[in-house]
Amino acid sequence: MDLFLYNPTYQAWICTAPRCQFAVSPSSLDRHLQRRHRDHRAAATPAQRQVILRTMLQRAWVDPRKEIFRYPPPSSPPIPGLPVFRGYSCPHCEFICRSNGVMQNHRREKHQDQDGSWKCGRQS
């Protein structure tokens, strides 16, 4: 399990490979291993990937397709295993993102009636 780090606070498995560094859902684990780690010694065969999945399922694991994921508040410390990026936070809710364009879309779709200017969020 040298590819993954379990975060009990958020009940999430984080792929710690340098080119990944993101949480993986139970429903996407097999595809993730096939596409990103097919040459890894522990994930080369379907049987090995099933062993990884069974091991990971022994812990509570939030699947965002089936239940609501509790995002940390913007003021929380960095989560081990995840990179830290500069980004934007919405002044009306806890939505955060890395792209100014995504923030513009969010504010236009979710908060257009709250103020007339939805060009950008606060940079954080």
N, C-alpha and C. Protein backbone atom coordinates (compact mmCIF):
# COMPACT_ATOMS: atom_id res chain seq x y z
N MET A 1 0.83 -1.19 0.00
CA MET A 1 0.00 0.00 0.00
C MET A 1 0.87 1.26 0.00
N ASP A 2 2.03 1.15 -0.58
CA ASP A 2 2.93 2.30 -0.61
C ASP A 2 2.43 3.41 -1.52
N LEU A 3 1.39 3.16 -2.29
CA LEU A 3 0.84 4.20 -3.17
C LEU A 3 -0.19 5.08 -2.46
N PHE A 4 -0.75 4.60 -1.36
CA PHE A 4 -1.90 5.28 -0.76
C PHE A 4 -1.68 5.61 0.70
N LEU A 5 -2.30 6.71 1.11
CA LEU A 5 -2.29 7.16 2.49
C LEU A 5 -3.75 7.32 2.90
N TYR A 6 -4.12 6.74 4.04
CA TYR A 6 -5.51 6.87 4.51
C TYR A 6 -5.63 8.08 5.42
N ASN A 7 -6.67 8.88 5.19
CA ASN A 7 -6.96 10.03 6.04
C ASN A 7 -8.24 9.73 6.80
N PRO A 8 -8.13 9.40 8.11
CA PRO A 8 -9.33 9.03 8.87
C PRO A 8 -10.29 10.19 9.11
N THR A 9 -9.79 11.41 9.15
CA THR A 9 -10.66 12.57 9.37
C THR A 9 -11.68 12.70 8.25
N TYR A 10 -11.23 12.52 7.02
CA TYR A 10 -12.11 12.67 5.86
C TYR A 10 -12.52 11.33 5.25
N GLN A 11 -12.11 10.24 5.88
CA GLN A 11 -12.42 8.89 5.40
C GLN A 11 -12.11 8.78 3.92
N ALA A 12 -10.88 9.13 3.58
CA ALA A 12 -10.46 9.15 2.18
C ALA A 12 -9.10 8.49 2.02
N TRP A 13 -8.92 7.81 0.90
CA TRP A 13 -7.62 7.28 0.52
C TRP A 13 -7.01 8.25 -0.48
N ILE A 14 -5.77 8.64 -0.23
CA ILE A 14 -5.07 9.60 -1.09
C ILE A 14 -3.95 8.88 -1.81
N CYS A 15 -3.93 8.99 -3.12
CA CYS A 15 -2.84 8.43 -3.91
C CYS A 15 -1.66 9.39 -3.76
N THR A 16 -0.57 8.90 -3.21
CA THR A 16 0.58 9.76 -2.91
C THR A 16 1.65 9.74 -3.99
N ALA A 17 1.40 9.04 -5.09
CA ALA A 17 2.39 9.04 -6.18
C ALA A 17 2.61 10.48 -6.63
N PRO A 18 3.85 10.85 -6.94
CA PRO A 18 4.15 12.24 -7.29
C PRO A 18 3.28 12.82 -8.40
N ARG A 19 2.88 12.01 -9.36
CA ARG A 19 2.06 12.55 -10.45
C ARG A 19 0.57 12.53 -10.15
N CYS A 20 0.19 12.03 -9.00
CA CYS A 20 -1.23 11.98 -8.63
C CYS A 20 -1.52 12.97 -7.50
N GLN A 21 -1.33 12.54 -6.27
CA GLN A 21 -1.58 13.35 -5.08
C GLN A 21 -3.02 13.87 -5.04
N PHE A 22 -3.98 12.95 -5.10
CA PHE A 22 -5.39 13.30 -4.94
C PHE A 22 -6.12 12.12 -4.34
N ALA A 23 -7.32 12.39 -3.80
CA ALA A 23 -8.14 11.33 -3.22
C ALA A 23 -8.76 10.50 -4.33
N VAL A 24 -8.89 9.21 -4.06
CA VAL A 24 -9.44 8.27 -5.04
C VAL A 24 -10.70 7.67 -4.43
N SER A 25 -11.77 7.61 -5.20
CA SER A 25 -13.02 7.04 -4.70
C SER A 25 -13.01 5.52 -4.91
N PRO A 26 -13.81 4.79 -4.12
CA PRO A 26 -13.88 3.34 -4.30
C PRO A 26 -14.28 2.95 -5.72
N SER A 27 -15.20 3.70 -6.31
CA SER A 27 -15.69 3.35 -7.64
C SER A 27 -14.67 3.63 -8.74
N SER A 28 -13.65 4.43 -8.46
CA SER A 28 -12.67 4.73 -9.50
C SER A 28 -11.30 4.11 -9.24
N LEU A 29 -11.15 3.36 -8.15
CA LEU A 29 -9.84 2.82 -7.80
C LEU A 29 -9.26 1.91 -8.88
N ASP A 30 -10.03 0.93 -9.35
CA ASP A 30 -9.50 -0.01 -10.35
C ASP A 30 -9.05 0.73 -11.61
N ARG A 31 -9.87 1.63 -12.09
CA ARG A 31 -9.51 2.41 -13.28
C ARG A 31 -8.26 3.27 -13.01
N HIS A 32 -8.19 3.85 -11.82
CA HIS A 32 -7.03 4.67 -11.46
C HIS A 32 -5.75 3.82 -11.50
N LEU A 33 -5.80 2.66 -10.89
CA LEU A 33 -4.62 1.78 -10.87
C LEU A 33 -4.24 1.32 -12.27
N GLN A 34 -5.22 0.98 -13.08
CA GLN A 34 -4.94 0.54 -14.46
C GLN A 34 -4.31 1.64 -15.29
N ARG A 35 -4.83 2.84 -15.18
CA ARG A 35 -4.36 3.93 -16.05
C ARG A 35 -3.08 4.60 -15.55
N ARG A 36 -2.95 4.76 -14.25
CA ARG A 36 -1.83 5.53 -13.73
C ARG A 36 -0.71 4.69 -13.14
N HIS A 37 -1.02 3.45 -12.75
CA HIS A 37 -0.01 2.64 -12.05
C HIS A 37 0.08 1.22 -12.58
N ARG A 38 -0.18 1.04 -13.86
CA ARG A 38 -0.19 -0.32 -14.43
C ARG A 38 1.17 -1.00 -14.33
N ASP A 39 2.26 -0.20 -14.22
CA ASP A 39 3.59 -0.78 -14.10
C ASP A 39 4.03 -0.97 -12.65
N HIS A 40 3.21 -0.56 -11.71
CA HIS A 40 3.58 -0.71 -10.30
C HIS A 40 3.49 -2.19 -9.93
N ARG A 41 4.48 -2.67 -9.21
CA ARG A 41 4.57 -4.10 -8.87
C ARG A 41 3.36 -4.62 -8.10
N ALA A 42 2.70 -3.77 -7.34
CA ALA A 42 1.57 -4.22 -6.52
C ALA A 42 0.22 -4.10 -7.22
N ALA A 43 0.20 -3.50 -8.42
CA ALA A 43 -1.09 -3.26 -9.09
C ALA A 43 -1.10 -3.71 -10.54
N ALA A 44 -0.23 -4.63 -10.89
CA ALA A 44 -0.07 -5.02 -12.30
C ALA A 44 -1.20 -5.91 -12.82
N THR A 45 -1.80 -6.71 -11.96
CA THR A 45 -2.81 -7.66 -12.43
C THR A 45 -4.18 -7.33 -11.80
N PRO A 46 -5.26 -7.81 -12.42
CA PRO A 46 -6.59 -7.61 -11.81
C PRO A 46 -6.67 -8.19 -10.40
N ALA A 47 -6.05 -9.34 -10.17
CA ALA A 47 -6.08 -9.95 -8.84
C ALA A 47 -5.38 -9.06 -7.81
N GLN A 48 -4.27 -8.48 -8.19
CA GLN A 48 -3.56 -7.58 -7.27
C GLN A 48 -4.39 -6.33 -6.97
N ARG A 49 -5.05 -5.82 -7.98
CA ARG A 49 -5.88 -4.63 -7.76
C ARG A 49 -7.06 -4.95 -6.85
N GLN A 50 -7.61 -6.15 -6.96
CA GLN A 50 -8.70 -6.56 -6.08
C GLN A 50 -8.23 -6.67 -4.63
N VAL A 51 -7.00 -7.15 -4.43
CA VAL A 51 -6.44 -7.23 -3.08
C VAL A 51 -6.33 -5.82 -2.49
N ILE A 52 -5.84 -4.89 -3.30
CA ILE A 52 -5.73 -3.50 -2.84
C ILE A 52 -7.11 -2.96 -2.47
N LEU A 53 -8.10 -3.17 -3.32
CA LEU A 53 -9.45 -2.68 -3.05
C LEU A 53 -10.01 -3.30 -1.77
N ARG A 54 -9.87 -4.62 -1.61
CA ARG A 54 -10.38 -5.28 -0.40
C ARG A 54 -9.71 -4.72 0.85
N THR A 55 -8.41 -4.50 0.78
CA THR A 55 -7.68 -3.94 1.92
C THR A 55 -8.18 -2.54 2.25
N MET A 56 -8.37 -1.73 1.22
CA MET A 56 -8.82 -0.36 1.43
C MET A 56 -10.25 -0.30 1.95
N LEU A 57 -11.09 -1.23 1.53
CA LEU A 57 -12.49 -1.24 1.96
C LEU A 57 -12.65 -1.67 3.42
N GLN A 58 -11.59 -2.11 4.06
CA GLN A 58 -11.66 -2.46 5.47
C GLN A 58 -11.77 -1.21 6.35
N ARG A 59 -11.51 -0.07 5.78
CA ARG A 59 -11.64 1.19 6.50
C ARG A 59 -12.85 1.96 5.94
N ALA A 60 -13.42 2.82 6.76
CA ALA A 60 -14.51 3.67 6.27
C ALA A 60 -13.98 4.51 5.12
N TRP A 61 -14.76 4.58 4.04
CA TRP A 61 -14.28 5.24 2.83
C TRP A 61 -15.46 5.94 2.17
N VAL A 62 -15.43 7.25 2.11
CA VAL A 62 -16.51 8.02 1.52
C VAL A 62 -16.44 7.91 0.00
N ASP A 63 -17.56 7.53 -0.59
CA ASP A 63 -17.67 7.53 -2.05
C ASP A 63 -18.53 8.73 -2.43
N PRO A 64 -17.92 9.77 -3.04
CA PRO A 64 -18.68 10.99 -3.33
C PRO A 64 -19.87 10.78 -4.26
N ARG A 65 -19.94 9.65 -4.95
CA ARG A 65 -21.10 9.38 -5.80
C ARG A 65 -22.31 8.95 -4.97
N LYS A 66 -22.04 8.43 -3.76
CA LYS A 66 -23.11 7.87 -2.96
C LYS A 66 -23.42 8.66 -1.70
N GLU A 67 -22.50 9.47 -1.23
CA GLU A 67 -22.73 10.25 -0.02
C GLU A 67 -21.99 11.58 -0.12
N ILE A 68 -22.38 12.49 0.72
CA ILE A 68 -21.80 13.83 0.68
C ILE A 68 -20.43 13.81 1.36
N PHE A 69 -19.46 14.36 0.66
CA PHE A 69 -18.12 14.46 1.21
C PHE A 69 -18.02 15.75 2.01
N ARG A 70 -17.47 15.66 3.23
CA ARG A 70 -17.30 16.83 4.09
C ARG A 70 -15.99 17.52 3.72
N TYR A 71 -16.07 18.60 2.98
CA TYR A 71 -14.86 19.34 2.64
C TYR A 71 -14.37 20.10 3.87
N PRO A 72 -13.06 20.22 4.01
CA PRO A 72 -12.54 20.98 5.15
C PRO A 72 -12.82 22.47 4.97
N PRO A 73 -12.95 23.19 6.08
CA PRO A 73 -13.14 24.63 5.94
C PRO A 73 -11.89 25.27 5.34
N PRO A 74 -12.05 26.38 4.64
CA PRO A 74 -10.90 27.03 4.01
C PRO A 74 -9.78 27.38 4.98
N SER A 75 -10.10 27.57 6.24
CA SER A 75 -9.08 27.95 7.23
C SER A 75 -8.32 26.75 7.80
N SER A 76 -8.66 25.54 7.38
CA SER A 76 -8.03 24.35 7.94
C SER A 76 -6.59 24.20 7.45
N PRO A 77 -5.77 23.47 8.20
CA PRO A 77 -4.38 23.26 7.77
C PRO A 77 -4.34 22.33 6.56
N PRO A 78 -3.22 22.30 5.84
CA PRO A 78 -3.10 21.40 4.69
C PRO A 78 -3.34 19.94 5.09
N ILE A 79 -3.88 19.16 4.18
CA ILE A 79 -4.14 17.74 4.41
C ILE A 79 -2.91 16.96 3.98
N PRO A 80 -2.34 16.13 4.86
CA PRO A 80 -1.16 15.35 4.49
C PRO A 80 -1.41 14.51 3.23
N GLY A 81 -0.46 14.53 2.32
CA GLY A 81 -0.56 13.76 1.09
C GLY A 81 -1.14 14.53 -0.08
N LEU A 82 -1.73 15.70 0.19
CA LEU A 82 -2.31 16.52 -0.88
C LEU A 82 -1.48 17.79 -1.07
N PRO A 83 -1.27 18.19 -2.32
CA PRO A 83 -0.52 19.42 -2.56
C PRO A 83 -1.35 20.65 -2.19
N VAL A 84 -0.68 21.75 -1.96
CA VAL A 84 -1.35 23.01 -1.66
C VAL A 84 -1.22 23.91 -2.89
N PHE A 85 -2.35 24.48 -3.31
CA PHE A 85 -2.38 25.35 -4.48
C PHE A 85 -2.94 26.72 -4.11
N ARG A 86 -2.54 27.73 -4.84
CA ARG A 86 -3.20 29.03 -4.73
C ARG A 86 -4.54 28.91 -5.45
N GLY A 87 -5.51 29.63 -4.96
CA GLY A 87 -6.81 29.53 -5.60
C GLY A 87 -7.72 30.67 -5.21
N TYR A 88 -9.01 30.45 -5.39
CA TYR A 88 -10.04 31.46 -5.14
C TYR A 88 -11.09 30.88 -4.20
N SER A 89 -11.58 31.73 -3.29
CA SER A 89 -12.67 31.32 -2.42
C SER A 89 -13.86 32.25 -2.66
N CYS A 90 -15.03 31.66 -2.68
CA CYS A 90 -16.25 32.42 -2.92
C CYS A 90 -16.58 33.24 -1.67
N PRO A 91 -16.90 34.52 -1.84
CA PRO A 91 -17.25 35.34 -0.67
C PRO A 91 -18.65 35.04 -0.11
N HIS A 92 -19.43 34.21 -0.81
CA HIS A 92 -20.80 33.92 -0.38
C HIS A 92 -20.98 32.53 0.23
N CYS A 93 -20.05 31.62 -0.04
CA CYS A 93 -20.17 30.26 0.49
C CYS A 93 -18.75 29.69 0.64
N GLU A 94 -18.64 28.42 0.95
CA GLU A 94 -17.33 27.83 1.17
C GLU A 94 -16.71 27.23 -0.09
N PHE A 95 -17.27 27.50 -1.25
CA PHE A 95 -16.73 26.97 -2.50
C PHE A 95 -15.34 27.55 -2.74
N ILE A 96 -14.40 26.68 -3.11
CA ILE A 96 -13.05 27.10 -3.48
C ILE A 96 -12.65 26.40 -4.76
N CYS A 97 -11.77 27.02 -5.52
CA CYS A 97 -11.28 26.42 -6.76
C CYS A 97 -9.96 27.07 -7.14
N ARG A 98 -9.30 26.52 -8.13
CA ARG A 98 -8.01 27.05 -8.57
C ARG A 98 -8.13 28.00 -9.75
N SER A 99 -9.25 28.00 -10.41
CA SER A 99 -9.38 28.74 -11.66
C SER A 99 -10.33 29.93 -11.52
N ASN A 100 -9.89 31.08 -12.01
CA ASN A 100 -10.73 32.26 -12.01
C ASN A 100 -11.99 32.01 -12.83
N GLY A 101 -11.85 31.32 -13.96
CA GLY A 101 -13.00 31.01 -14.81
C GLY A 101 -14.03 30.14 -14.11
N VAL A 102 -13.56 29.14 -13.37
CA VAL A 102 -14.47 28.27 -12.62
C VAL A 102 -15.20 29.09 -11.55
N MET A 103 -14.47 30.00 -10.90
CA MET A 103 -15.10 30.84 -9.88
C MET A 103 -16.15 31.75 -10.52
N GLN A 104 -15.85 32.31 -11.66
CA GLN A 104 -16.83 33.16 -12.34
C GLN A 104 -18.10 32.37 -12.65
N ASN A 105 -17.94 31.16 -13.16
CA ASN A 105 -19.12 30.32 -13.45
C ASN A 105 -19.90 30.00 -12.18
N HIS A 106 -19.18 29.66 -11.11
CA HIS A 106 -19.83 29.34 -9.84
C HIS A 106 -20.67 30.53 -9.37
N ARG A 107 -20.08 31.69 -9.34
CA ARG A 107 -20.79 32.87 -8.84
C ARG A 107 -21.96 33.25 -9.73
N ARG A 108 -21.79 33.10 -11.02
CA ARG A 108 -22.88 33.41 -11.96
C ARG A 108 -24.05 32.44 -11.75
N GLU A 109 -23.73 31.15 -11.55
CA GLU A 109 -24.78 30.13 -11.42
C GLU A 109 -25.41 30.09 -10.03
N LYS A 110 -24.62 30.33 -8.99
CA LYS A 110 -25.11 30.15 -7.62
C LYS A 110 -25.45 31.44 -6.89
N HIS A 111 -24.83 32.55 -7.26
CA HIS A 111 -24.97 33.76 -6.44
C HIS A 111 -25.28 35.01 -7.25
N GLN A 112 -25.79 34.87 -8.43
CA GLN A 112 -26.05 36.02 -9.29
C GLN A 112 -26.96 37.04 -8.61
N ASP A 113 -27.92 36.56 -7.83
CA ASP A 113 -28.88 37.46 -7.20
C ASP A 113 -28.31 38.13 -5.94
N GLN A 114 -27.15 37.71 -5.46
CA GLN A 114 -26.61 38.27 -4.22
C GLN A 114 -25.84 39.57 -4.43
N ASP A 115 -25.25 39.73 -5.57
CA ASP A 115 -24.63 41.00 -5.92
C ASP A 115 -24.45 41.04 -7.43
N GLY A 116 -24.28 42.20 -7.95
CA GLY A 116 -24.18 42.34 -9.39
C GLY A 116 -22.83 41.99 -9.96
N SER A 117 -21.81 41.90 -9.12
CA SER A 117 -20.47 41.63 -9.65
C SER A 117 -20.07 40.21 -9.31
N TRP A 118 -20.00 39.36 -10.31
CA TRP A 118 -19.60 37.97 -10.09
C TRP A 118 -18.38 37.65 -10.91
N LYS A 119 -17.50 38.62 -11.04
CA LYS A 119 -16.32 38.42 -11.88
C LYS A 119 -15.28 37.51 -11.24
N CYS A 120 -15.13 37.58 -9.93
CA CYS A 120 -14.04 36.82 -9.31
C CYS A 120 -14.34 36.59 -7.84
N GLY A 121 -13.68 35.63 -7.26
CA GLY A 121 -13.73 35.41 -5.83
C GLY A 121 -12.48 35.99 -5.20
N ARG A 122 -12.37 35.83 -3.90
CA ARG A 122 -11.16 36.27 -3.21
C ARG A 122 -10.04 35.29 -3.51
N GLN A 123 -8.86 35.81 -3.75
CA GLN A 123 -7.72 34.92 -3.95
C GLN A 123 -7.29 34.44 -2.58
N SER A 124 -7.02 33.15 -2.47
CA SER A 124 -6.63 32.61 -1.17
C SER A 124 -5.38 31.78 -1.29
